[in-house]
Amino acid sequence: MLGVYIRTIRDFSRLLFLENAFDEFLFAEGRFVTAFATEFNGASQEEDAALPYVRWAQVREAAFGLIRGKVAPRSFYVALVCPPDKTKALLAQGGEEAEEDDLPLLFLNIRYREEKLMLTTGVSEKTFRPGSAAPAIWDRQVRLLLEKLGLGSAISEL
């Protein structure tokens, strides 16, 4: 599991809430605390939905509306999930195959509180796969994403 602090909170928040840098991710859940708390469940409500969660792009603007203003939010938490097609491709690149029904969920957890922004990764396996390389592959991919977004020098380990 990767755990890092983002030192450039404003830059990261701009990428998360105002730009499309994370729009390909799925949105599992979120909690935003300002003068009041708002919780979102990103589970798809459509019976025939192709994806288990809605895309971050669908809720990004609403989430930003909750935290924007002159006063910073007290805290927020966003759990993003790598889409199944990207998960399958990442695992294949890392030499690990998984059936469509057995793909792990690759989480990117974003938490802001006490004026600190923390990112952690997580992997939820649907079935036990001894020696799974999914966590290492996902951690490496998130580091590459942070580099690509220009945040590589703005991180420090937990």
Protein backbone atom coordinates (compact mmCIF):
# COMPACT_ATOMS: atom_id res chain seq x y z
CA MET A 1 0.00 0.00 0.00
CA LEU A 2 1.27 3.40 -1.00
CA GLY A 3 0.77 6.31 1.37
CA VAL A 4 1.90 9.85 0.61
CA TYR A 5 1.21 13.41 1.64
CA ILE A 6 0.70 15.98 -1.09
CA ARG A 7 2.49 19.20 -0.15
CA THR A 8 0.85 21.30 -2.89
CA ILE A 9 -2.76 20.99 -1.75
CA ARG A 10 -4.05 23.78 -3.97
CA ASP A 11 -2.48 22.27 -7.12
CA PHE A 12 -3.80 18.80 -6.37
CA SER A 13 -7.27 20.11 -5.52
CA ARG A 14 -7.37 22.01 -8.82
CA LEU A 15 -6.54 18.79 -10.69
CA LEU A 16 -9.12 16.81 -8.71
CA PHE A 17 -12.06 19.23 -8.73
CA LEU A 18 -11.56 21.63 -11.65
CA GLU A 19 -9.72 19.66 -14.31
CA ASN A 20 -10.29 16.26 -15.88
CA ALA A 21 -7.12 14.61 -14.51
CA PHE A 22 -9.12 12.01 -12.54
CA ASP A 23 -12.27 11.83 -14.69
CA GLU A 24 -11.55 8.31 -15.94
CA PHE A 25 -11.78 6.97 -12.38
CA LEU A 26 -14.95 5.61 -10.86
CA PHE A 27 -16.31 7.26 -7.71
CA ALA A 28 -17.01 4.76 -4.92
CA GLU A 29 -17.82 7.13 -2.06
CA GLY A 30 -17.07 10.49 -0.55
CA ARG A 31 -17.63 12.67 2.49
CA PHE A 32 -17.31 16.44 2.56
CA VAL A 33 -17.36 18.45 5.79
CA THR A 34 -17.80 22.21 5.75
CA ALA A 35 -20.41 23.85 7.98
CA PHE A 36 -22.29 20.55 7.53
CA ALA A 37 -21.38 17.04 6.36
CA THR A 38 -22.44 15.55 3.05
CA GLU A 39 -21.89 11.94 2.10
CA PHE A 40 -22.05 10.45 -1.38
CA ASN A 41 -22.44 6.81 -2.34
CA GLY A 42 -21.14 6.30 -5.85
CA ALA A 43 -22.77 2.91 -6.43
CA SER A 44 -24.51 2.88 -9.79
CA GLN A 45 -28.29 3.01 -9.35
CA GLU A 46 -29.12 1.67 -12.79
CA GLU A 47 -30.05 -2.02 -12.88
CA ASP A 48 -28.27 -2.65 -16.17
CA ALA A 49 -25.25 -0.46 -15.41
CA ALA A 50 -22.05 -1.60 -17.11
CA LEU A 51 -19.95 -0.23 -14.23
CA PRO A 52 -20.39 -0.74 -10.47
CA TYR A 53 -19.85 2.96 -9.70
CA VAL A 54 -20.49 6.28 -11.42
CA ARG A 55 -17.60 8.10 -13.02
CA TRP A 56 -15.84 10.84 -11.04
CA ALA A 57 -16.62 13.19 -13.94
CA GLN A 58 -20.32 12.84 -13.10
CA VAL A 59 -19.97 14.08 -9.51
CA ARG A 60 -16.86 16.26 -9.65
CA GLU A 61 -18.75 19.53 -10.11
CA ALA A 62 -21.22 18.77 -7.30
CA ALA A 63 -18.35 17.83 -4.98
CA PHE A 64 -16.50 21.03 -5.80
CA GLY A 65 -19.67 23.03 -5.14
CA LEU A 66 -19.66 21.71 -1.58
CA ILE A 67 -16.12 22.79 -0.73
CA ARG A 68 -15.57 25.97 -2.71
CA GLY A 69 -15.64 29.25 -0.91
CA LYS A 70 -13.47 31.58 1.08
CA VAL A 71 -13.03 29.12 3.92
CA ALA A 72 -11.32 25.78 3.31
CA PRO A 73 -13.39 22.68 4.05
CA ARG A 74 -12.85 21.08 7.44
CA SER A 75 -12.20 17.79 5.70
CA PHE A 76 -13.05 15.67 2.73
CA TYR A 77 -12.61 12.08 1.66
CA VAL A 78 -12.92 10.69 -1.86
CA ALA A 79 -12.54 7.01 -2.76
CA LEU A 80 -11.80 6.53 -6.45
CA VAL A 81 -11.59 3.17 -8.24
CA CYS A 82 -9.67 2.29 -11.36
CA PRO A 83 -12.17 1.23 -14.07
CA PRO A 84 -12.28 -2.51 -14.88
CA ASP A 85 -10.86 -2.14 -18.42
CA LYS A 86 -7.88 -0.17 -17.10
CA THR A 87 -7.43 -2.64 -14.23
CA LYS A 88 -7.29 -5.56 -16.63
CA ALA A 89 -4.76 -3.74 -18.85
CA LEU A 90 -2.56 -2.77 -15.86
CA LEU A 91 -2.49 -6.33 -14.56
CA ALA A 92 -1.66 -7.66 -18.01
CA GLN A 93 1.21 -5.16 -18.34
CA GLY A 94 2.53 -6.42 -15.01
CA GLY A 95 2.35 -10.02 -16.18
CA GLU A 96 -0.68 -10.90 -14.11
CA GLU A 97 -3.88 -12.16 -15.65
CA ALA A 98 -7.31 -12.07 -14.05
CA GLU A 99 -10.71 -13.10 -15.32
CA GLU A 100 -13.22 -10.29 -15.79
CA ASP A 101 -15.30 -11.53 -12.83
CA ASP A 102 -12.24 -11.78 -10.59
CA LEU A 103 -10.66 -8.39 -11.22
CA PRO A 104 -9.58 -6.68 -8.01
CA LEU A 105 -10.81 -3.20 -7.16
CA LEU A 106 -7.89 -0.76 -7.24
CA PHE A 107 -8.62 2.16 -4.90
CA LEU A 108 -7.12 5.63 -4.73
CA ASN A 109 -8.18 7.18 -1.42
CA ILE A 110 -7.86 10.94 -1.07
CA ARG A 111 -8.25 12.45 2.39
CA TYR A 112 -7.93 16.09 3.45
CA ARG A 113 -8.06 16.96 7.14
CA GLU A 114 -6.16 19.15 9.55
CA GLU A 115 -4.72 21.06 6.57
CA LYS A 116 -3.02 17.92 5.23
CA LEU A 117 -3.80 16.03 2.04
CA MET A 118 -3.05 12.33 2.05
CA LEU A 119 -3.28 9.75 -0.74
CA THR A 120 -3.34 6.03 -0.07
CA THR A 121 -3.82 3.10 -2.37
CA GLY A 122 -5.71 -0.06 -1.67
CA VAL A 123 -6.59 -3.29 -3.42
CA SER A 124 -9.72 -5.31 -2.76
CA GLU A 125 -9.44 -8.80 -4.18
CA LYS A 126 -12.69 -10.60 -4.98
CA THR A 127 -11.03 -13.99 -4.67
CA PHE A 128 -7.85 -15.03 -2.93
CA ARG A 129 -4.95 -15.01 -5.38
CA PRO A 130 -1.75 -16.17 -3.67
CA GLY A 131 1.25 -14.06 -4.60
CA SER A 132 -0.87 -11.42 -6.32
CA ALA A 133 1.22 -8.61 -7.75
CA ALA A 134 -1.82 -6.29 -8.01
CA PRO A 135 -0.86 -4.09 -5.01
CA ALA A 136 2.68 -3.46 -6.31
CA ILE A 137 1.42 -2.84 -9.85
CA TRP A 138 -1.21 -0.38 -8.58
CA ASP A 139 1.24 1.49 -6.33
CA ARG A 140 3.65 1.86 -9.24
CA GLN A 141 0.85 3.13 -11.51
CA VAL A 142 -0.27 5.75 -8.98
CA ARG A 143 3.30 7.00 -8.62
CA LEU A 144 3.50 7.28 -12.43
CA LEU A 145 0.20 9.19 -12.47
CA LEU A 146 1.48 11.65 -9.86
CA GLU A 147 4.64 12.18 -11.91
CA LYS A 148 2.61 12.70 -15.09
CA LEU A 149 0.46 15.29 -13.30
CA GLY A 150 3.59 17.16 -12.20
CA LEU A 151 3.20 16.20 -8.54
CA GLY A 152 6.17 13.87 -8.22
CA SER A 153 8.27 16.40 -6.30
CA ALA A 154 5.28 17.50 -4.22
CA ILE A 155 4.88 14.23 -2.32
CA SER A 156 6.36 12.94 0.91
CA GLU A 157 5.97 9.47 2.36
CA LEU A 158 3.62 8.92 5.30
